[in-house]
Amino acid sequence: MVGIASPDEADDLGVRLLGTVVGLLEAGGYDAVQLRAVARGARVSLSTVYKRYATREELILAAIEHWMKGNHAAVVEQARDPDEALHPAMMRVIRAIFEPWEKNPLMLIAYFRVRTAPGWEGLHMRGFDSVVPAGMAVLKGVDPGFVDEMKSILSSVVFGLVGRYLEGQIALTDIMPTIDRAVYWMTTGYEATR
């Protein structure tokens, strides 16, 4: 594996390549990303694409990471008000994270499909680098043990719900209300013990 190449702002070719892949993913989903179509859309040769990305999966992985950075950049760090309950504060952050996925369900499907590619392991953490500080600001002063348990439970709930969505068992619009209920019960239970 060559590694995941992420373009910086000065890398016009990288931005064009990833922008082309994002466009294909948003319009037609994972299967729409064919390397010849990417090369044509980015106005480069196929060999140029291969010089940057050894496989189609590496390219899709980099494009999804690029998309996540752009779509989660609006998530800003906001401390929880002293009198604010954990539930609404947490849901403010979670909604900001999940809203782009709801608006672009083909990107959500692509994110989960690319999870079988080598190098995907850190995608969920790299992609959420911009949102982690926002979540931690809301959780400031909360017992670290509870934070760890909540992360574990929520990640399982989210992955389970998205898996059910991908299998056609639930609608995309069912995901956020279920997450909301899970966060409500976890945070309400935690705050009741304080």
C-alpha atoms as a PDB file:
ATOM      1  CA  MET A   1       0.000   0.000   0.000  1.00  0.00           C
ATOM      2  CA  VAL A   2       1.361   3.390  -0.989  1.00  0.00           C
ATOM      3  CA  GLY A   3      -0.462   5.253   1.757  1.00  0.00           C
ATOM      4  CA  ILE A   4      -3.334   7.658   1.758  1.00  0.00           C
ATOM      5  CA  ALA A   5      -2.349  10.870   0.016  1.00  0.00           C
ATOM      6  CA  SER A   6      -4.248  13.863   1.299  1.00  0.00           C
ATOM      7  CA  PRO A   7      -3.851  17.025  -0.698  1.00  0.00           C
ATOM      8  CA  ASP A   8      -3.015  20.302   0.925  1.00  0.00           C
ATOM      9  CA  GLU A   9      -4.555  23.529  -0.334  1.00  0.00           C
ATOM     10  CA  ALA A  10      -1.645  24.108  -2.728  1.00  0.00           C
ATOM     11  CA  ASP A  11      -2.053  20.668  -4.332  1.00  0.00           C
ATOM     12  CA  ASP A  12      -4.427  21.450  -7.188  1.00  0.00           C
ATOM     13  CA  LEU A  13      -4.093  17.994  -8.733  1.00  0.00           C
ATOM     14  CA  GLY A  14      -4.907  16.254  -5.438  1.00  0.00           C
ATOM     15  CA  VAL A  15      -7.917  18.497  -4.838  1.00  0.00           C
ATOM     16  CA  ARG A  16      -9.157  17.848  -8.396  1.00  0.00           C
ATOM     17  CA  LEU A  17      -8.742  14.084  -8.029  1.00  0.00           C
ATOM     18  CA  LEU A  18     -10.505  13.887  -4.689  1.00  0.00           C
ATOM     19  CA  GLY A  19     -13.186  16.354  -5.772  1.00  0.00           C
ATOM     20  CA  THR A  20     -13.889  14.199  -8.814  1.00  0.00           C
ATOM     21  CA  VAL A  21     -14.188  11.083  -6.663  1.00  0.00           C
ATOM     22  CA  VAL A  22     -16.471  12.862  -4.181  1.00  0.00           C
ATOM     23  CA  GLY A  23     -18.658  13.983  -7.077  1.00  0.00           C
ATOM     24  CA  LEU A  24     -18.884  10.419  -8.390  1.00  0.00           C
ATOM     25  CA  LEU A  25     -19.652   9.067  -4.921  1.00  0.00           C
ATOM     26  CA  GLU A  26     -22.367  11.646  -4.266  1.00  0.00           C
ATOM     27  CA  ALA A  27     -23.972  11.139  -7.674  1.00  0.00           C
ATOM     28  CA  GLY A  28     -23.691   7.392  -8.157  1.00  0.00           C
ATOM     29  CA  GLY A  29     -22.255   5.807  -5.040  1.00  0.00           C
ATOM     30  CA  TYR A  30     -19.300   3.527  -4.489  1.00  0.00           C
ATOM     31  CA  ASP A  31     -19.668   1.537  -7.697  1.00  0.00           C
ATOM     32  CA  ALA A  32     -19.667   4.737  -9.800  1.00  0.00           C
ATOM     33  CA  VAL A  33     -16.019   5.350  -8.926  1.00  0.00           C
ATOM     34  CA  GLN A  34     -14.045   3.860 -11.785  1.00  0.00           C
ATOM     35  CA  LEU A  35     -10.445   4.986 -12.194  1.00  0.00           C
ATOM     36  CA  ARG A  36     -10.868   5.872 -15.877  1.00  0.00           C
ATOM     37  CA  ALA A  37     -13.855   8.079 -14.988  1.00  0.00           C
ATOM     38  CA  VAL A  38     -11.797   9.724 -12.243  1.00  0.00           C
ATOM     39  CA  ALA A  39      -8.925  10.412 -14.633  1.00  0.00           C
ATOM     40  CA  ARG A  40     -11.316  11.845 -17.229  1.00  0.00           C
ATOM     41  CA  GLY A  41     -13.136  13.993 -14.662  1.00  0.00           C
ATOM     42  CA  ALA A  42      -9.899  15.327 -13.169  1.00  0.00           C
ATOM     43  CA  ARG A  43      -8.394  15.835 -16.636  1.00  0.00           C
ATOM     44  CA  VAL A  44      -5.340  13.668 -15.964  1.00  0.00           C
ATOM     45  CA  SER A  45      -3.966  10.413 -17.283  1.00  0.00           C
ATOM     46  CA  LEU A  46      -4.799   7.110 -15.666  1.00  0.00           C
ATOM     47  CA  SER A  47      -1.102   6.672 -14.833  1.00  0.00           C
ATOM     48  CA  THR A  48      -1.220   9.954 -12.870  1.00  0.00           C
ATOM     49  CA  VAL A  49      -4.051   8.555 -10.751  1.00  0.00           C
ATOM     50  CA  TYR A  50      -2.036   5.366 -10.117  1.00  0.00           C
ATOM     51  CA  LYS A  51       1.055   7.382  -9.143  1.00  0.00           C
ATOM     52  CA  ARG A  52      -0.926   8.874  -6.279  1.00  0.00           C
ATOM     53  CA  TYR A  53      -3.157   5.937  -5.331  1.00  0.00           C
ATOM     54  CA  ALA A  54      -2.191   2.307  -5.800  1.00  0.00           C
ATOM     55  CA  THR A  55      -5.777   1.074  -5.679  1.00  0.00           C
ATOM     56  CA  ARG A  56      -9.302   2.293  -6.222  1.00  0.00           C
ATOM     57  CA  GLU A  57     -10.035   1.698  -2.530  1.00  0.00           C
ATOM     58  CA  GLU A  58      -7.145   3.944  -1.448  1.00  0.00           C
ATOM     59  CA  LEU A  59      -8.509   6.681  -3.686  1.00  0.00           C
ATOM     60  CA  ILE A  60     -12.048   6.298  -2.337  1.00  0.00           C
ATOM     61  CA  LEU A  61     -10.709   6.239   1.215  1.00  0.00           C
ATOM     62  CA  ALA A  62      -8.795   9.489   0.641  1.00  0.00           C
ATOM     63  CA  ALA A  63     -11.839  11.087  -1.005  1.00  0.00           C
ATOM     64  CA  ILE A  64     -14.122  10.194   1.896  1.00  0.00           C
ATOM     65  CA  GLU A  65     -11.589  11.558   4.368  1.00  0.00           C
ATOM     66  CA  HIS A  66     -11.399  14.750   2.277  1.00  0.00           C
ATOM     67  CA  TRP A  67     -15.209  14.979   2.235  1.00  0.00           C
ATOM     68  CA  MET A  68     -15.437  14.447   5.999  1.00  0.00           C
ATOM     69  CA  LYS A  69     -12.915  17.219   6.694  1.00  0.00           C
ATOM     70  CA  GLY A  70     -14.922  19.629   4.578  1.00  0.00           C
ATOM     71  CA  ASN A  71     -18.322  18.627   5.909  1.00  0.00           C
ATOM     72  CA  HIS A  72     -17.343  18.518   9.560  1.00  0.00           C
ATOM     73  CA  ALA A  73     -15.333  21.749   9.521  1.00  0.00           C
ATOM     74  CA  ALA A  74     -18.453  23.628  10.631  1.00  0.00           C
ATOM     75  CA  VAL A  75     -18.576  21.701  13.910  1.00  0.00           C
ATOM     76  CA  VAL A  76     -17.279  24.227  16.387  1.00  0.00           C
ATOM     77  CA  GLU A  77     -16.184  23.808  19.940  1.00  0.00           C
ATOM     78  CA  GLN A  78     -18.923  25.051  22.251  1.00  0.00           C
ATOM     79  CA  ALA A  79     -18.687  24.520  25.952  1.00  0.00           C
ATOM     80  CA  ARG A  80     -21.803  23.287  27.672  1.00  0.00           C
ATOM     81  CA  ASP A  81     -23.577  26.012  29.627  1.00  0.00           C
ATOM     82  CA  PRO A  82     -23.301  25.448  33.392  1.00  0.00           C
ATOM     83  CA  ASP A  83     -27.048  24.760  33.688  1.00  0.00           C
ATOM     84  CA  GLU A  84     -27.344  22.814  30.429  1.00  0.00           C
ATOM     85  CA  ALA A  85     -28.090  19.111  30.661  1.00  0.00           C
ATOM     86  CA  LEU A  86     -25.756  16.692  28.896  1.00  0.00           C
ATOM     87  CA  HIS A  87     -28.392  15.359  26.503  1.00  0.00           C
ATOM     88  CA  PRO A  88     -29.113  18.534  24.500  1.00  0.00           C
ATOM     89  CA  ALA A  89     -25.439  19.499  24.487  1.00  0.00           C
ATOM     90  CA  MET A  90     -24.349  16.070  23.205  1.00  0.00           C
ATOM     91  CA  MET A  91     -27.114  15.994  20.606  1.00  0.00           C
ATOM     92  CA  ARG A  92     -26.026  19.402  19.296  1.00  0.00           C
ATOM     93  CA  VAL A  93     -22.624  17.912  18.487  1.00  0.00           C
ATOM     94  CA  ILE A  94     -23.950  14.577  17.221  1.00  0.00           C
ATOM     95  CA  ARG A  95     -26.462  16.263  14.914  1.00  0.00           C
ATOM     96  CA  ALA A  96     -23.720  18.457  13.453  1.00  0.00           C
ATOM     97  CA  ILE A  97     -21.664  15.333  12.765  1.00  0.00           C
ATOM     98  CA  PHE A  98     -24.460  13.214  11.336  1.00  0.00           C
ATOM     99  CA  GLU A  99     -26.351  15.842   9.330  1.00  0.00           C
ATOM    100  CA  PRO A 100     -23.935  15.737   6.348  1.00  0.00           C
ATOM    101  CA  TRP A 101     -24.346  11.943   6.232  1.00  0.00           C
ATOM    102  CA  GLU A 102     -28.140  12.276   6.201  1.00  0.00           C
ATOM    103  CA  LYS A 103     -27.919  14.765   3.340  1.00  0.00           C
ATOM    104  CA  ASN A 104     -25.531  12.495   1.409  1.00  0.00           C
ATOM    105  CA  PRO A 105     -26.604   8.894   2.035  1.00  0.00           C
ATOM    106  CA  LEU A 106     -24.443   7.580  -0.816  1.00  0.00           C
ATOM    107  CA  MET A 107     -21.395   8.949   1.025  1.00  0.00           C
ATOM    108  CA  LEU A 108     -22.494   7.142   4.180  1.00  0.00           C
ATOM    109  CA  ILE A 109     -22.811   3.893   2.228  1.00  0.00           C
ATOM    110  CA  ALA A 110     -19.395   4.469   0.619  1.00  0.00           C
ATOM    111  CA  TYR A 111     -17.859   5.138   4.048  1.00  0.00           C
ATOM    112  CA  PHE A 112     -19.085   1.781   5.291  1.00  0.00           C
ATOM    113  CA  ARG A 113     -18.117  -0.078   2.126  1.00  0.00           C
ATOM    114  CA  VAL A 114     -14.560   1.267   2.161  1.00  0.00           C
ATOM    115  CA  ARG A 115     -14.116  -0.103   5.671  1.00  0.00           C
ATOM    116  CA  THR A 116     -12.923  -3.356   4.114  1.00  0.00           C
ATOM    117  CA  ALA A 117      -9.995  -1.607   2.400  1.00  0.00           C
ATOM    118  CA  PRO A 118      -6.487  -1.677   3.863  1.00  0.00           C
ATOM    119  CA  GLY A 119      -5.746   1.531   5.741  1.00  0.00           C
ATOM    120  CA  TRP A 120      -9.347   2.315   6.654  1.00  0.00           C
ATOM    121  CA  GLU A 121      -8.774   1.658  10.364  1.00  0.00           C
ATOM    122  CA  GLY A 122      -7.929   5.228  11.251  1.00  0.00           C
ATOM    123  CA  LEU A 123     -10.479   6.868   8.946  1.00  0.00           C
ATOM    124  CA  HIS A 124     -13.116   7.309  11.603  1.00  0.00           C
ATOM    125  CA  MET A 125     -10.600   8.987  13.915  1.00  0.00           C
ATOM    126  CA  ARG A 126      -8.760  11.038  11.257  1.00  0.00           C
ATOM    127  CA  GLY A 127     -12.038  12.200   9.803  1.00  0.00           C
ATOM    128  CA  PHE A 128     -13.364  13.280  13.160  1.00  0.00           C
ATOM    129  CA  ASP A 129     -10.280  15.204  14.281  1.00  0.00           C
ATOM    130  CA  SER A 130     -12.240  18.418  13.814  1.00  0.00           C
ATOM    131  CA  VAL A 131     -15.225  17.222  15.863  1.00  0.00           C
ATOM    132  CA  VAL A 132     -13.490  15.564  18.815  1.00  0.00           C
ATOM    133  CA  PRO A 133     -12.680  18.915  20.491  1.00  0.00           C
ATOM    134  CA  ALA A 134     -16.348  19.936  20.169  1.00  0.00           C
ATOM    135  CA  GLY A 135     -17.476  16.715  21.835  1.00  0.00           C
ATOM    136  CA  MET A 136     -14.871  16.986  24.571  1.00  0.00           C
ATOM    137  CA  ALA A 137     -15.878  20.602  25.296  1.00  0.00           C
ATOM    138  CA  VAL A 138     -19.417  19.412  25.953  1.00  0.00           C
ATOM    139  CA  LEU A 139     -18.108  16.600  28.156  1.00  0.00           C
ATOM    140  CA  LYS A 140     -15.776  18.778  30.214  1.00  0.00           C
ATOM    141  CA  GLY A 141     -16.124  17.865  33.863  1.00  0.00           C
ATOM    142  CA  VAL A 142     -17.869  14.576  33.116  1.00  0.00           C
ATOM    143  CA  ASP A 143     -16.477  11.433  34.721  1.00  0.00           C
ATOM    144  CA  PRO A 144     -13.861   9.954  32.318  1.00  0.00           C
ATOM    145  CA  GLY A 145     -15.184   6.442  32.950  1.00  0.00           C
ATOM    146  CA  PHE A 146     -18.636   7.504  31.805  1.00  0.00           C
ATOM    147  CA  VAL A 147     -17.163   9.202  28.731  1.00  0.00           C
ATOM    148  CA  ASP A 148     -15.325   5.990  27.773  1.00  0.00           C
ATOM    149  CA  GLU A 149     -18.429   3.866  28.274  1.00  0.00           C
ATOM    150  CA  MET A 150     -20.597   6.294  26.341  1.00  0.00           C
ATOM    151  CA  LYS A 151     -18.129   6.307  23.412  1.00  0.00           C
ATOM    152  CA  SER A 152     -18.165   2.513  23.344  1.00  0.00           C
ATOM    153  CA  ILE A 153     -21.947   2.256  23.553  1.00  0.00           C
ATOM    154  CA  LEU A 154     -22.614   5.036  21.039  1.00  0.00           C
ATOM    155  CA  SER A 155     -20.168   3.676  18.480  1.00  0.00           C
ATOM    156  CA  SER A 156     -21.869   0.269  18.732  1.00  0.00           C
ATOM    157  CA  VAL A 157     -25.312   1.845  18.400  1.00  0.00           C
ATOM    158  CA  VAL A 158     -24.264   3.963  15.410  1.00  0.00           C
ATOM    159  CA  PHE A 159     -22.509   1.116  13.592  1.00  0.00           C
ATOM    160  CA  GLY A 160     -25.452  -1.185  14.288  1.00  0.00           C
ATOM    161  CA  LEU A 161     -27.994   1.338  13.045  1.00  0.00           C
ATOM    162  CA  VAL A 162     -26.041   2.135   9.907  1.00  0.00           C
ATOM    163  CA  GLY A 163     -25.637  -1.587   9.260  1.00  0.00           C
ATOM    164  CA  ARG A 164     -29.398  -2.034   9.577  1.00  0.00           C
ATOM    165  CA  TYR A 165     -29.900   0.904   7.207  1.00  0.00           C
ATOM    166  CA  LEU A 166     -27.507  -0.637   4.670  1.00  0.00           C
ATOM    167  CA  GLU A 167     -29.440  -3.915   4.899  1.00  0.00           C
ATOM    168  CA  GLY A 168     -32.696  -2.059   4.220  1.00  0.00           C
ATOM    169  CA  GLN A 169     -34.117  -2.868   7.656  1.00  0.00           C
ATOM    170  CA  ILE A 170     -34.588   0.771   8.715  1.00  0.00           C
ATOM    171  CA  ALA A 171     -34.814   4.140   7.000  1.00  0.00           C
ATOM    172  CA  LEU A 172     -31.953   6.622   7.180  1.00  0.00           C
ATOM    173  CA  THR A 173     -34.291   8.953   9.052  1.00  0.00           C
ATOM    174  CA  ASP A 174     -34.636   6.356  11.840  1.00  0.00           C
ATOM    175  CA  ILE A 175     -30.978   6.626  12.831  1.00  0.00           C
ATOM    176  CA  MET A 176     -30.906  10.035  14.560  1.00  0.00           C
ATOM    177  CA  PRO A 177     -34.039   9.491  16.687  1.00  0.00           C
ATOM    178  CA  THR A 178     -32.596   6.212  17.958  1.00  0.00           C
ATOM    179  CA  ILE A 179     -29.243   7.832  18.738  1.00  0.00           C
ATOM    180  CA  ASP A 180     -31.124  10.652  20.463  1.00  0.00           C
ATOM    181  CA  ARG A 181     -32.981   8.181  22.700  1.00  0.00           C
ATOM    182  CA  ALA A 182     -29.762   6.301  23.536  1.00  0.00           C
ATOM    183  CA  VAL A 183     -27.982   9.547  24.462  1.00  0.00           C
ATOM    184  CA  TYR A 184     -30.994  10.681  26.480  1.00  0.00           C
ATOM    185  CA  TRP A 185     -31.122   7.524  28.575  1.00  0.00           C
ATOM    186  CA  MET A 186     -27.353   7.361  29.090  1.00  0.00           C
ATOM    187  CA  THR A 187     -26.952  11.017  30.051  1.00  0.00           C
ATOM    188  CA  THR A 188     -30.103  11.139  32.168  1.00  0.00           C
ATOM    189  CA  GLY A 189     -28.952   8.074  34.069  1.00  0.00           C
ATOM    190  CA  TYR A 190     -25.492   9.555  34.586  1.00  0.00           C
ATOM    191  CA  GLU A 191     -26.841  12.921  35.752  1.00  0.00           C
ATOM    192  CA  ALA A 192     -29.257  11.226  38.155  1.00  0.00           C
ATOM    193  CA  THR A 193     -26.270   9.727  39.997  1.00  0.00           C
ATOM    194  CA  ARG A 194     -24.522  13.093  40.362  1.00  0.00           C
END
